[in-house]
N, C-alpha and C. Protein backbone atom coordinates (compact mmCIF):
# COMPACT_ATOMS: atom_id res chain seq x y z
N MET A 1 163.25 184.42 310.66
CA MET A 1 162.23 183.88 309.77
C MET A 1 161.76 182.54 310.31
N VAL A 2 160.50 182.28 310.19
CA VAL A 2 159.91 181.05 310.70
C VAL A 2 160.28 179.89 309.78
N ASP A 3 160.73 178.81 310.37
CA ASP A 3 161.06 177.62 309.58
C ASP A 3 159.75 176.91 309.21
N VAL A 4 159.45 176.88 307.93
CA VAL A 4 158.18 176.34 307.44
C VAL A 4 158.08 174.86 307.75
N ARG A 5 159.18 174.15 307.66
CA ARG A 5 159.14 172.70 307.92
C ARG A 5 158.78 172.41 309.37
N ARG A 6 159.36 173.17 310.29
CA ARG A 6 159.06 172.95 311.71
C ARG A 6 157.60 173.30 312.01
N LEU A 7 157.14 174.38 311.43
CA LEU A 7 155.75 174.79 311.63
C LEU A 7 154.79 173.74 311.09
N LEU A 8 155.11 173.20 309.90
CA LEU A 8 154.28 172.15 309.31
C LEU A 8 154.31 170.88 310.17
N ALA A 9 155.49 170.51 310.67
CA ALA A 9 155.59 169.33 311.53
C ALA A 9 154.80 169.51 312.81
N LEU A 10 154.85 170.71 313.39
CA LEU A 10 154.09 171.00 314.61
C LEU A 10 152.59 170.92 314.35
N LEU A 11 152.16 171.46 313.22
CA LEU A 11 150.75 171.42 312.85
C LEU A 11 150.28 169.98 312.64
N LEU A 12 151.08 169.18 311.95
CA LEU A 12 150.71 167.77 311.73
C LEU A 12 150.66 167.00 313.04
N ALA A 13 151.59 167.27 313.96
CA ALA A 13 151.57 166.60 315.26
C ALA A 13 150.31 166.96 316.04
N ALA A 14 149.93 168.23 315.99
CA ALA A 14 148.71 168.66 316.69
C ALA A 14 147.48 167.98 316.10
N LEU A 15 147.43 167.89 314.77
CA LEU A 15 146.29 167.21 314.14
C LEU A 15 146.26 165.73 314.49
N ALA A 16 147.43 165.09 314.58
CA ALA A 16 147.48 163.67 314.94
C ALA A 16 146.95 163.45 316.35
N VAL A 17 147.29 164.35 317.27
CA VAL A 17 146.80 164.23 318.65
C VAL A 17 145.29 164.40 318.69
N LEU A 18 144.78 165.36 317.92
CA LEU A 18 143.33 165.58 317.90
C LEU A 18 142.58 164.45 317.22
N ALA A 19 143.22 163.76 316.28
CA ALA A 19 142.55 162.70 315.53
C ALA A 19 142.42 161.40 316.31
N VAL A 20 143.22 161.22 317.37
CA VAL A 20 143.15 160.00 318.15
C VAL A 20 141.84 160.00 318.93
N PRO A 21 141.01 158.95 318.76
CA PRO A 21 139.72 158.94 319.46
C PRO A 21 139.91 158.75 320.96
N ALA A 22 139.04 159.39 321.71
CA ALA A 22 139.06 159.22 323.16
C ALA A 22 138.56 157.83 323.50
N PRO A 23 139.11 157.21 324.54
CA PRO A 23 138.65 155.87 324.89
C PRO A 23 137.18 155.89 325.29
N ALA A 24 136.45 154.89 324.81
CA ALA A 24 135.03 154.80 325.13
C ALA A 24 134.87 154.48 326.62
N SER A 25 133.92 155.12 327.24
CA SER A 25 133.72 154.85 328.65
C SER A 25 133.00 153.52 328.81
N ALA A 26 133.62 152.64 329.51
CA ALA A 26 133.04 151.31 329.70
C ALA A 26 131.99 151.37 330.80
N ALA A 27 131.03 150.48 330.69
CA ALA A 27 130.00 150.40 331.72
C ALA A 27 130.64 149.92 333.01
N PRO A 28 130.16 150.39 334.13
CA PRO A 28 130.74 149.91 335.37
C PRO A 28 130.54 148.41 335.48
N SER A 29 131.62 147.72 335.69
CA SER A 29 131.52 146.27 335.77
C SER A 29 131.83 145.83 337.19
N PRO A 30 131.23 144.74 337.57
CA PRO A 30 131.50 144.24 338.90
C PRO A 30 132.95 143.79 339.00
N GLY A 31 133.42 143.58 340.21
CA GLY A 31 134.78 143.10 340.42
C GLY A 31 135.03 141.79 339.69
N PRO A 32 136.30 141.43 339.51
CA PRO A 32 136.61 140.24 338.73
C PRO A 32 136.03 138.95 339.30
N SER A 33 135.82 138.87 340.60
CA SER A 33 135.33 137.62 341.17
C SER A 33 133.85 137.70 341.57
N ALA A 34 133.18 138.83 341.28
CA ALA A 34 131.77 138.98 341.65
C ALA A 34 130.91 138.05 340.79
N GLU A 35 129.94 137.44 341.42
CA GLU A 35 129.01 136.56 340.72
C GLU A 35 127.95 137.40 340.02
N VAL A 36 127.81 137.22 338.72
CA VAL A 36 126.79 137.93 337.95
C VAL A 36 126.12 136.92 337.04
N LYS A 37 125.01 137.35 336.47
CA LYS A 37 124.35 136.54 335.46
C LYS A 37 124.70 137.13 334.10
N TYR A 38 125.02 136.25 333.16
CA TYR A 38 125.37 136.72 331.83
C TYR A 38 124.90 135.73 330.78
N TYR A 39 124.92 136.18 329.55
CA TYR A 39 124.45 135.37 328.43
C TYR A 39 125.38 135.60 327.25
N VAL A 40 125.72 134.52 326.55
CA VAL A 40 126.53 134.61 325.34
C VAL A 40 125.58 134.57 324.15
N VAL A 41 125.60 135.62 323.35
CA VAL A 41 124.68 135.76 322.22
C VAL A 41 124.96 134.67 321.19
N ARG A 42 123.88 134.01 320.74
CA ARG A 42 123.98 132.95 319.73
C ARG A 42 123.80 133.55 318.33
N ASP A 43 124.09 132.71 317.31
CA ASP A 43 123.86 133.13 315.93
C ASP A 43 122.38 133.43 315.71
N GLN A 44 121.53 132.56 316.23
CA GLN A 44 120.10 132.74 316.08
C GLN A 44 119.36 131.96 317.16
N PHE A 45 118.12 132.37 317.39
CA PHE A 45 117.25 131.66 318.33
C PHE A 45 115.90 131.55 317.66
N GLY A 46 115.41 130.33 317.54
CA GLY A 46 114.12 130.11 316.89
C GLY A 46 114.16 130.49 315.41
N GLY A 47 115.30 130.37 314.77
CA GLY A 47 115.42 130.68 313.35
C GLY A 47 115.60 132.16 313.04
N GLU A 48 115.66 133.00 314.04
CA GLU A 48 115.80 134.44 313.85
C GLU A 48 117.07 134.93 314.55
N PRO A 49 117.70 135.98 314.02
CA PRO A 49 118.86 136.56 314.72
C PRO A 49 118.42 137.10 316.08
N GLU A 50 119.34 137.08 317.05
CA GLU A 50 119.00 137.56 318.38
C GLU A 50 119.14 139.07 318.46
N PHE A 51 118.31 139.69 319.31
CA PHE A 51 118.39 141.11 319.58
C PHE A 51 117.96 141.33 321.01
N LEU A 52 118.30 142.50 321.56
CA LEU A 52 118.09 142.75 322.99
C LEU A 52 116.64 142.60 323.44
N PHE A 53 115.68 143.04 322.63
CA PHE A 53 114.28 142.93 323.02
C PHE A 53 113.90 141.47 323.24
N GLU A 54 114.31 140.62 322.32
CA GLU A 54 113.98 139.19 322.41
C GLU A 54 114.69 138.54 323.60
N ILE A 55 115.93 138.93 323.86
CA ILE A 55 116.67 138.38 325.01
C ILE A 55 115.99 138.81 326.31
N ALA A 56 115.59 140.08 326.40
CA ALA A 56 114.90 140.57 327.60
C ALA A 56 113.57 139.85 327.79
N GLN A 57 112.86 139.61 326.70
CA GLN A 57 111.58 138.91 326.79
C GLN A 57 111.77 137.48 327.29
N ARG A 58 112.82 136.83 326.79
CA ARG A 58 113.06 135.43 327.15
C ARG A 58 113.55 135.28 328.59
N PHE A 59 114.46 136.15 329.04
CA PHE A 59 115.10 135.93 330.34
C PHE A 59 114.60 136.85 331.45
N LEU A 60 113.90 137.94 331.10
CA LEU A 60 113.42 138.87 332.13
C LEU A 60 111.90 138.95 332.16
N GLY A 61 111.24 138.29 331.20
CA GLY A 61 109.78 138.26 331.19
C GLY A 61 109.14 139.40 330.41
N SER A 62 109.90 140.42 330.03
CA SER A 62 109.33 141.54 329.28
C SER A 62 110.40 142.12 328.36
N GLY A 63 110.05 142.27 327.08
CA GLY A 63 110.98 142.86 326.13
C GLY A 63 111.25 144.32 326.41
N ASP A 64 110.34 144.97 327.16
CA ASP A 64 110.52 146.38 327.50
C ASP A 64 111.71 146.60 328.44
N ARG A 65 112.24 145.54 329.00
CA ARG A 65 113.39 145.67 329.91
C ARG A 65 114.72 145.57 329.15
N ASN A 66 114.66 145.64 327.82
CA ASN A 66 115.90 145.54 327.04
C ASN A 66 116.86 146.68 327.34
N ASP A 67 116.36 147.84 327.76
CA ASP A 67 117.25 148.96 328.09
C ASP A 67 118.10 148.66 329.33
N GLU A 68 117.59 147.84 330.24
CA GLU A 68 118.38 147.46 331.41
C GLU A 68 119.62 146.67 330.97
N ILE A 69 119.42 145.75 330.03
CA ILE A 69 120.55 144.97 329.51
C ILE A 69 121.52 145.90 328.79
N PHE A 70 120.98 146.83 328.01
CA PHE A 70 121.84 147.76 327.28
C PHE A 70 122.67 148.59 328.24
N GLN A 71 122.04 149.14 329.28
CA GLN A 71 122.77 149.98 330.23
C GLN A 71 123.85 149.20 330.99
N LEU A 72 123.60 147.91 331.28
CA LEU A 72 124.61 147.10 331.96
C LEU A 72 125.83 146.82 331.06
N ASN A 73 125.63 146.84 329.76
CA ASN A 73 126.69 146.43 328.85
C ASN A 73 127.21 147.56 327.94
N LYS A 74 126.64 148.73 328.05
CA LYS A 74 127.01 149.85 327.18
C LYS A 74 128.51 150.14 327.31
N GLY A 75 129.22 150.11 326.17
CA GLY A 75 130.64 150.43 326.14
C GLY A 75 131.56 149.29 326.55
N ARG A 76 131.01 148.17 326.97
CA ARG A 76 131.86 147.05 327.41
C ARG A 76 132.54 146.41 326.20
N LEU A 77 133.82 146.12 326.35
CA LEU A 77 134.59 145.47 325.30
C LEU A 77 134.09 144.05 325.10
N GLN A 78 133.89 143.67 323.85
CA GLN A 78 133.39 142.34 323.51
C GLN A 78 134.52 141.51 322.90
N PRO A 79 134.35 140.19 322.80
CA PRO A 79 135.43 139.33 322.32
C PRO A 79 135.94 139.66 320.91
N ASP A 80 135.11 140.27 320.07
CA ASP A 80 135.57 140.59 318.72
C ASP A 80 136.26 141.96 318.65
N GLY A 81 136.42 142.63 319.80
CA GLY A 81 137.10 143.92 319.84
C GLY A 81 136.17 145.10 319.70
N LEU A 82 134.89 144.86 319.45
CA LEU A 82 133.92 145.94 319.33
C LEU A 82 133.29 146.22 320.69
N ARG A 83 132.50 147.27 320.75
CA ARG A 83 131.80 147.63 321.99
C ARG A 83 130.32 147.83 321.67
N LEU A 84 129.49 147.54 322.66
CA LEU A 84 128.05 147.75 322.50
C LEU A 84 127.79 149.25 322.60
N THR A 85 127.33 149.85 321.48
CA THR A 85 127.06 151.28 321.47
C THR A 85 125.61 151.60 321.11
N LYS A 86 124.95 150.68 320.40
CA LYS A 86 123.55 150.88 320.02
C LYS A 86 122.76 149.65 320.45
N PRO A 87 121.59 149.85 321.04
CA PRO A 87 120.83 148.69 321.52
C PRO A 87 120.37 147.75 320.42
N GLU A 88 120.27 148.24 319.19
CA GLU A 88 119.79 147.38 318.10
C GLU A 88 120.92 146.62 317.42
N ALA A 89 122.15 146.79 317.87
CA ALA A 89 123.28 146.16 317.19
C ALA A 89 124.06 145.27 318.14
N ILE A 90 123.72 143.98 318.15
CA ILE A 90 124.51 143.00 318.91
C ILE A 90 124.94 141.91 317.94
N LEU A 91 126.05 141.26 318.26
CA LEU A 91 126.60 140.25 317.37
C LEU A 91 126.76 138.92 318.10
N PRO A 92 126.72 137.82 317.35
CA PRO A 92 126.94 136.50 317.97
C PRO A 92 128.30 136.44 318.64
N GLY A 93 128.34 135.79 319.81
CA GLY A 93 129.58 135.65 320.57
C GLY A 93 129.77 136.72 321.62
N TRP A 94 128.97 137.78 321.58
CA TRP A 94 129.09 138.83 322.58
C TRP A 94 128.60 138.31 323.92
N ILE A 95 129.22 138.79 324.99
CA ILE A 95 128.86 138.40 326.35
C ILE A 95 128.09 139.55 326.98
N LEU A 96 126.81 139.29 327.30
CA LEU A 96 125.95 140.33 327.86
C LEU A 96 125.66 140.04 329.32
N GLN A 97 125.98 141.00 330.17
CA GLN A 97 125.60 140.88 331.57
C GLN A 97 124.11 141.11 331.68
N LEU A 98 123.44 140.30 332.49
CA LEU A 98 121.99 140.40 332.66
C LEU A 98 121.66 140.87 334.07
N PRO A 99 120.47 141.44 334.27
CA PRO A 99 120.05 141.81 335.63
C PRO A 99 119.98 140.57 336.53
N ALA A 100 120.03 140.79 337.81
CA ALA A 100 120.11 139.69 338.79
C ALA A 100 118.89 138.77 338.74
N ASP A 101 117.72 139.26 338.30
CA ASP A 101 116.52 138.42 338.29
C ASP A 101 116.36 137.63 336.98
N ALA A 102 117.37 137.63 336.11
CA ALA A 102 117.28 136.89 334.84
C ALA A 102 117.32 135.39 335.12
N GLU A 103 116.48 134.66 334.37
CA GLU A 103 116.47 133.21 334.50
C GLU A 103 116.01 132.59 333.19
N GLY A 104 116.49 131.40 332.94
CA GLY A 104 116.12 130.70 331.72
C GLY A 104 117.29 129.91 331.18
N GLU A 105 117.00 129.10 330.17
CA GLU A 105 118.03 128.27 329.56
C GLU A 105 119.01 129.15 328.80
N GLY A 106 120.29 129.05 329.12
CA GLY A 106 121.33 129.85 328.49
C GLY A 106 121.90 130.91 329.40
N VAL A 107 121.20 131.23 330.51
CA VAL A 107 121.73 132.20 331.47
C VAL A 107 122.80 131.52 332.29
N ARG A 108 123.97 132.12 332.37
CA ARG A 108 125.07 131.57 333.15
C ARG A 108 125.32 132.45 334.35
N THR A 109 125.77 131.83 335.43
CA THR A 109 126.09 132.56 336.65
C THR A 109 127.55 132.34 336.97
N GLY A 110 128.24 133.42 337.34
CA GLY A 110 129.65 133.34 337.68
C GLY A 110 130.32 134.66 337.39
N PRO A 111 131.64 134.69 337.53
CA PRO A 111 132.34 135.92 337.20
C PRO A 111 132.21 136.20 335.69
N LEU A 112 132.03 137.45 335.34
CA LEU A 112 131.92 137.84 333.94
C LEU A 112 133.24 137.51 333.24
N PRO A 113 133.20 136.74 332.15
CA PRO A 113 134.45 136.39 331.46
C PRO A 113 135.22 137.64 331.04
N ALA A 114 136.53 137.61 331.27
CA ALA A 114 137.38 138.74 330.89
C ALA A 114 137.63 138.69 329.39
N VAL A 115 137.64 139.84 328.79
CA VAL A 115 137.90 139.94 327.36
C VAL A 115 139.22 140.69 327.18
N THR A 116 140.15 140.08 326.49
CA THR A 116 141.43 140.73 326.20
C THR A 116 141.64 140.74 324.70
N LEU A 117 142.23 141.79 324.24
CA LEU A 117 142.54 141.91 322.82
C LEU A 117 143.98 141.52 322.58
N PRO A 118 144.30 141.04 321.38
CA PRO A 118 145.70 140.74 321.09
C PRO A 118 146.53 142.02 321.13
N ALA A 119 147.83 141.86 321.39
CA ALA A 119 148.73 143.01 321.48
C ALA A 119 148.74 143.74 320.14
N PRO A 120 148.84 145.05 320.17
CA PRO A 120 148.86 145.80 318.91
C PRO A 120 150.10 145.46 318.09
N THR A 121 149.96 145.58 316.80
CA THR A 121 151.05 145.29 315.89
C THR A 121 152.09 146.40 315.98
N PRO A 122 153.37 146.06 316.06
CA PRO A 122 154.39 147.11 316.14
C PRO A 122 154.35 147.99 314.88
N ALA A 123 154.75 149.23 315.05
CA ALA A 123 154.70 150.18 313.94
C ALA A 123 155.60 149.75 312.79
N ALA A 124 156.69 149.06 313.08
CA ALA A 124 157.61 148.64 312.01
C ALA A 124 156.91 147.70 311.04
N ALA A 125 155.96 146.92 311.54
CA ALA A 125 155.26 145.99 310.66
C ALA A 125 154.24 146.71 309.79
N LEU A 126 153.95 147.96 310.10
CA LEU A 126 152.95 148.71 309.35
C LEU A 126 153.57 149.60 308.27
N THR A 127 154.86 149.42 307.97
CA THR A 127 155.48 150.23 306.93
C THR A 127 154.88 149.88 305.58
N PRO A 128 154.73 150.85 304.70
CA PRO A 128 154.12 150.57 303.39
C PRO A 128 155.01 149.67 302.55
N ALA A 129 154.38 148.90 301.72
CA ALA A 129 155.10 148.02 300.81
C ALA A 129 155.83 148.87 299.78
N PRO A 130 156.95 148.37 299.27
CA PRO A 130 157.65 149.15 298.24
C PRO A 130 156.79 149.28 297.00
N ALA A 131 156.96 150.39 296.31
CA ALA A 131 156.16 150.65 295.11
C ALA A 131 156.55 149.64 294.02
N PRO A 132 155.58 149.18 293.26
CA PRO A 132 155.91 148.25 292.18
C PRO A 132 156.75 148.95 291.12
N ALA A 133 157.52 148.15 290.40
CA ALA A 133 158.37 148.70 289.35
C ALA A 133 157.49 149.34 288.29
N GLY A 134 157.95 150.42 287.73
CA GLY A 134 157.16 151.11 286.72
C GLY A 134 157.05 152.57 287.06
N LEU A 135 155.98 153.17 286.64
CA LEU A 135 155.80 154.61 286.81
C LEU A 135 155.33 154.94 288.22
N SER A 136 155.78 156.08 288.73
CA SER A 136 155.32 156.54 290.04
C SER A 136 153.98 157.26 289.86
N TRP A 137 153.36 157.63 290.97
CA TRP A 137 152.03 158.23 290.91
C TRP A 137 152.03 159.53 290.13
N TRP A 138 153.07 160.34 290.30
CA TRP A 138 153.07 161.63 289.61
C TRP A 138 153.29 161.45 288.11
N GLU A 139 154.02 160.40 287.71
CA GLU A 139 154.17 160.13 286.29
C GLU A 139 152.83 159.70 285.68
N TRP A 140 152.08 158.88 286.42
CA TRP A 140 150.74 158.48 285.95
C TRP A 140 149.82 159.69 285.87
N ALA A 141 149.93 160.58 286.86
CA ALA A 141 149.09 161.78 286.86
C ALA A 141 149.43 162.67 285.66
N SER A 142 150.71 162.80 285.34
CA SER A 142 151.12 163.59 284.19
C SER A 142 150.60 162.99 282.90
N LEU A 143 150.71 161.67 282.78
CA LEU A 143 150.19 161.00 281.59
C LEU A 143 148.69 161.19 281.44
N ALA A 144 147.97 161.05 282.54
CA ALA A 144 146.51 161.21 282.50
C ALA A 144 146.14 162.64 282.13
N SER A 145 146.84 163.62 282.69
CA SER A 145 146.56 165.02 282.36
C SER A 145 146.83 165.28 280.89
N GLY A 146 147.94 164.74 280.39
CA GLY A 146 148.26 164.91 278.98
C GLY A 146 147.21 164.29 278.08
N ALA A 147 146.73 163.12 278.46
CA ALA A 147 145.70 162.45 277.65
C ALA A 147 144.42 163.27 277.62
N VAL A 148 144.04 163.83 278.76
CA VAL A 148 142.82 164.66 278.81
C VAL A 148 142.98 165.89 277.94
N LEU A 149 144.15 166.54 278.02
CA LEU A 149 144.38 167.73 277.20
C LEU A 149 144.39 167.37 275.71
N LEU A 150 144.98 166.24 275.37
CA LEU A 150 145.01 165.80 273.98
C LEU A 150 143.60 165.55 273.45
N LEU A 151 142.78 164.87 274.24
CA LEU A 151 141.40 164.62 273.82
C LEU A 151 140.60 165.91 273.69
N ALA A 152 140.79 166.83 274.63
CA ALA A 152 140.08 168.10 274.56
C ALA A 152 140.52 168.89 273.33
N GLY A 153 141.83 168.89 273.05
CA GLY A 153 142.33 169.59 271.87
C GLY A 153 141.79 168.97 270.59
N GLY A 154 141.73 167.65 270.53
CA GLY A 154 141.18 166.97 269.35
C GLY A 154 139.72 167.30 269.15
N ALA A 155 138.97 167.37 270.21
CA ALA A 155 137.55 167.70 270.11
C ALA A 155 137.37 169.13 269.62
N MET A 156 138.20 170.05 270.12
CA MET A 156 138.12 171.44 269.66
C MET A 156 138.48 171.56 268.18
N ALA A 157 139.52 170.84 267.75
CA ALA A 157 139.93 170.88 266.35
C ALA A 157 138.83 170.32 265.44
N ALA A 158 138.20 169.25 265.86
CA ALA A 158 137.12 168.66 265.07
C ALA A 158 135.94 169.63 264.97
N TRP A 159 135.63 170.30 266.05
CA TRP A 159 134.54 171.27 266.05
C TRP A 159 134.86 172.43 265.11
N TRP A 160 136.10 172.93 265.19
CA TRP A 160 136.51 174.04 264.34
C TRP A 160 136.48 173.64 262.86
N ALA A 161 136.97 172.42 262.55
CA ALA A 161 136.97 171.96 261.16
C ALA A 161 135.55 171.79 260.64
N ALA A 162 134.64 171.31 261.46
CA ALA A 162 133.26 171.15 261.04
C ALA A 162 132.62 172.51 260.75
N ARG A 163 132.97 173.50 261.52
CA ARG A 163 132.43 174.84 261.29
C ARG A 163 132.97 175.44 259.99
N ARG A 164 134.21 175.13 259.66
CA ARG A 164 134.84 175.69 258.46
C ARG A 164 134.31 175.04 257.19
N ARG A 165 133.85 173.81 257.25
CA ARG A 165 133.39 173.08 256.06
C ARG A 165 131.97 173.44 255.66
N ARG A 166 131.27 174.11 256.48
CA ARG A 166 129.89 174.46 256.14
C ARG A 166 129.87 175.37 254.93
N PRO A 167 128.99 175.10 254.00
CA PRO A 167 128.93 176.00 252.83
C PRO A 167 128.41 177.36 253.25
N ALA A 168 128.93 178.37 252.57
CA ALA A 168 128.47 179.73 252.86
C ALA A 168 127.02 179.86 252.44
N PRO A 169 126.25 180.65 253.12
CA PRO A 169 124.86 180.81 252.73
C PRO A 169 124.77 181.41 251.33
N ALA A 170 123.79 180.98 250.54
CA ALA A 170 123.60 181.48 249.17
C ALA A 170 123.31 182.97 249.20
N SER A 171 123.87 183.68 248.19
CA SER A 171 123.63 185.12 248.16
C SER A 171 122.15 185.35 247.85
N ARG A 172 121.66 186.35 248.39
CA ARG A 172 120.23 186.61 248.21
C ARG A 172 120.02 187.45 246.96
N ALA A 173 119.12 187.02 246.16
CA ALA A 173 118.75 187.78 244.96
C ALA A 173 117.80 188.89 245.37
N PRO A 174 117.83 189.99 244.66
CA PRO A 174 116.92 191.07 245.04
C PRO A 174 115.47 190.63 244.88
N SER A 175 114.68 191.12 245.74
CA SER A 175 113.28 190.76 245.67
C SER A 175 112.64 191.40 244.44
N PRO A 176 111.57 190.82 243.92
CA PRO A 176 110.97 191.28 242.67
C PRO A 176 110.49 192.73 242.72
N GLY A 177 110.20 193.27 243.84
CA GLY A 177 109.67 194.62 243.91
C GLY A 177 110.74 195.69 243.84
N TRP A 178 112.00 195.33 243.95
CA TRP A 178 113.08 196.31 243.95
C TRP A 178 113.66 196.47 242.54
N PRO A 179 114.10 197.64 242.24
CA PRO A 179 114.69 197.82 240.89
C PRO A 179 116.06 197.17 240.81
N ASP A 180 116.47 196.78 239.62
CA ASP A 180 117.77 196.18 239.39
C ASP A 180 118.79 197.30 239.36
N THR A 181 119.52 197.49 240.46
CA THR A 181 120.44 198.62 240.57
C THR A 181 121.62 198.49 239.63
N ASP A 182 122.08 197.28 239.34
CA ASP A 182 123.22 197.12 238.44
C ASP A 182 122.86 197.66 237.06
N ARG A 183 121.71 197.35 236.56
CA ARG A 183 121.27 197.81 235.25
C ARG A 183 121.12 199.33 235.23
N TYR A 184 120.65 199.88 236.33
CA TYR A 184 120.46 201.31 236.43
C TYR A 184 121.78 202.05 236.29
N TYR A 185 122.81 201.55 237.03
CA TYR A 185 124.11 202.20 236.97
C TYR A 185 124.78 202.04 235.62
N ARG A 186 124.57 200.88 234.97
CA ARG A 186 125.15 200.69 233.64
C ARG A 186 124.55 201.67 232.64
N LEU A 187 123.29 201.89 232.74
CA LEU A 187 122.63 202.83 231.80
C LEU A 187 123.11 204.26 232.06
N GLU A 188 123.31 204.61 233.30
CA GLU A 188 123.73 205.95 233.63
C GLU A 188 125.15 206.22 233.15
N ASP A 189 126.04 205.20 233.27
CA ASP A 189 127.42 205.36 232.84
C ASP A 189 127.50 205.47 231.32
N ALA A 190 126.62 204.80 230.62
CA ALA A 190 126.67 204.80 229.15
C ALA A 190 126.15 206.12 228.61
N GLY A 191 125.40 206.84 229.34
CA GLY A 191 124.62 207.91 228.95
C GLY A 191 125.00 209.18 228.52
């Protein structure tokens, strides 16, 4: 007989492996000591948030060259731990490599600054906190289910009682065109 626990554990392990995202492919970056031009995104420029079109217009002479900047930086790890995945989404503090012909105030030349992330937190630190004193989740669920059933039963009882209190419809008197059958039978019995 198949051990259900082992089968379930195997299934969960397979799902965990499939759920882990594949590493994003980073843009090809020059060697660590290669001289490149780069720009650190500011909070704003001219009172407006920065975006690739405006950066390309300022440093490359045409905003239409924003795709060149995007392709140079697509997938590159940024200081906040995120990666550039959409050309319309850049954040302050990000380091963008620029094409070699970029020039202007704010363009830096030198090796592209290395970005490192802090070491991951050990799994032991990620253990769940102990449950607070009181009822467990299934006890709360039982109480909630009971309350719903009680309310539904009360509503049904009220509906039934309201139906029972209605006065019975008045008996209908015979219409004037019909003979009085009770009188007819009384006369026949007396006869």
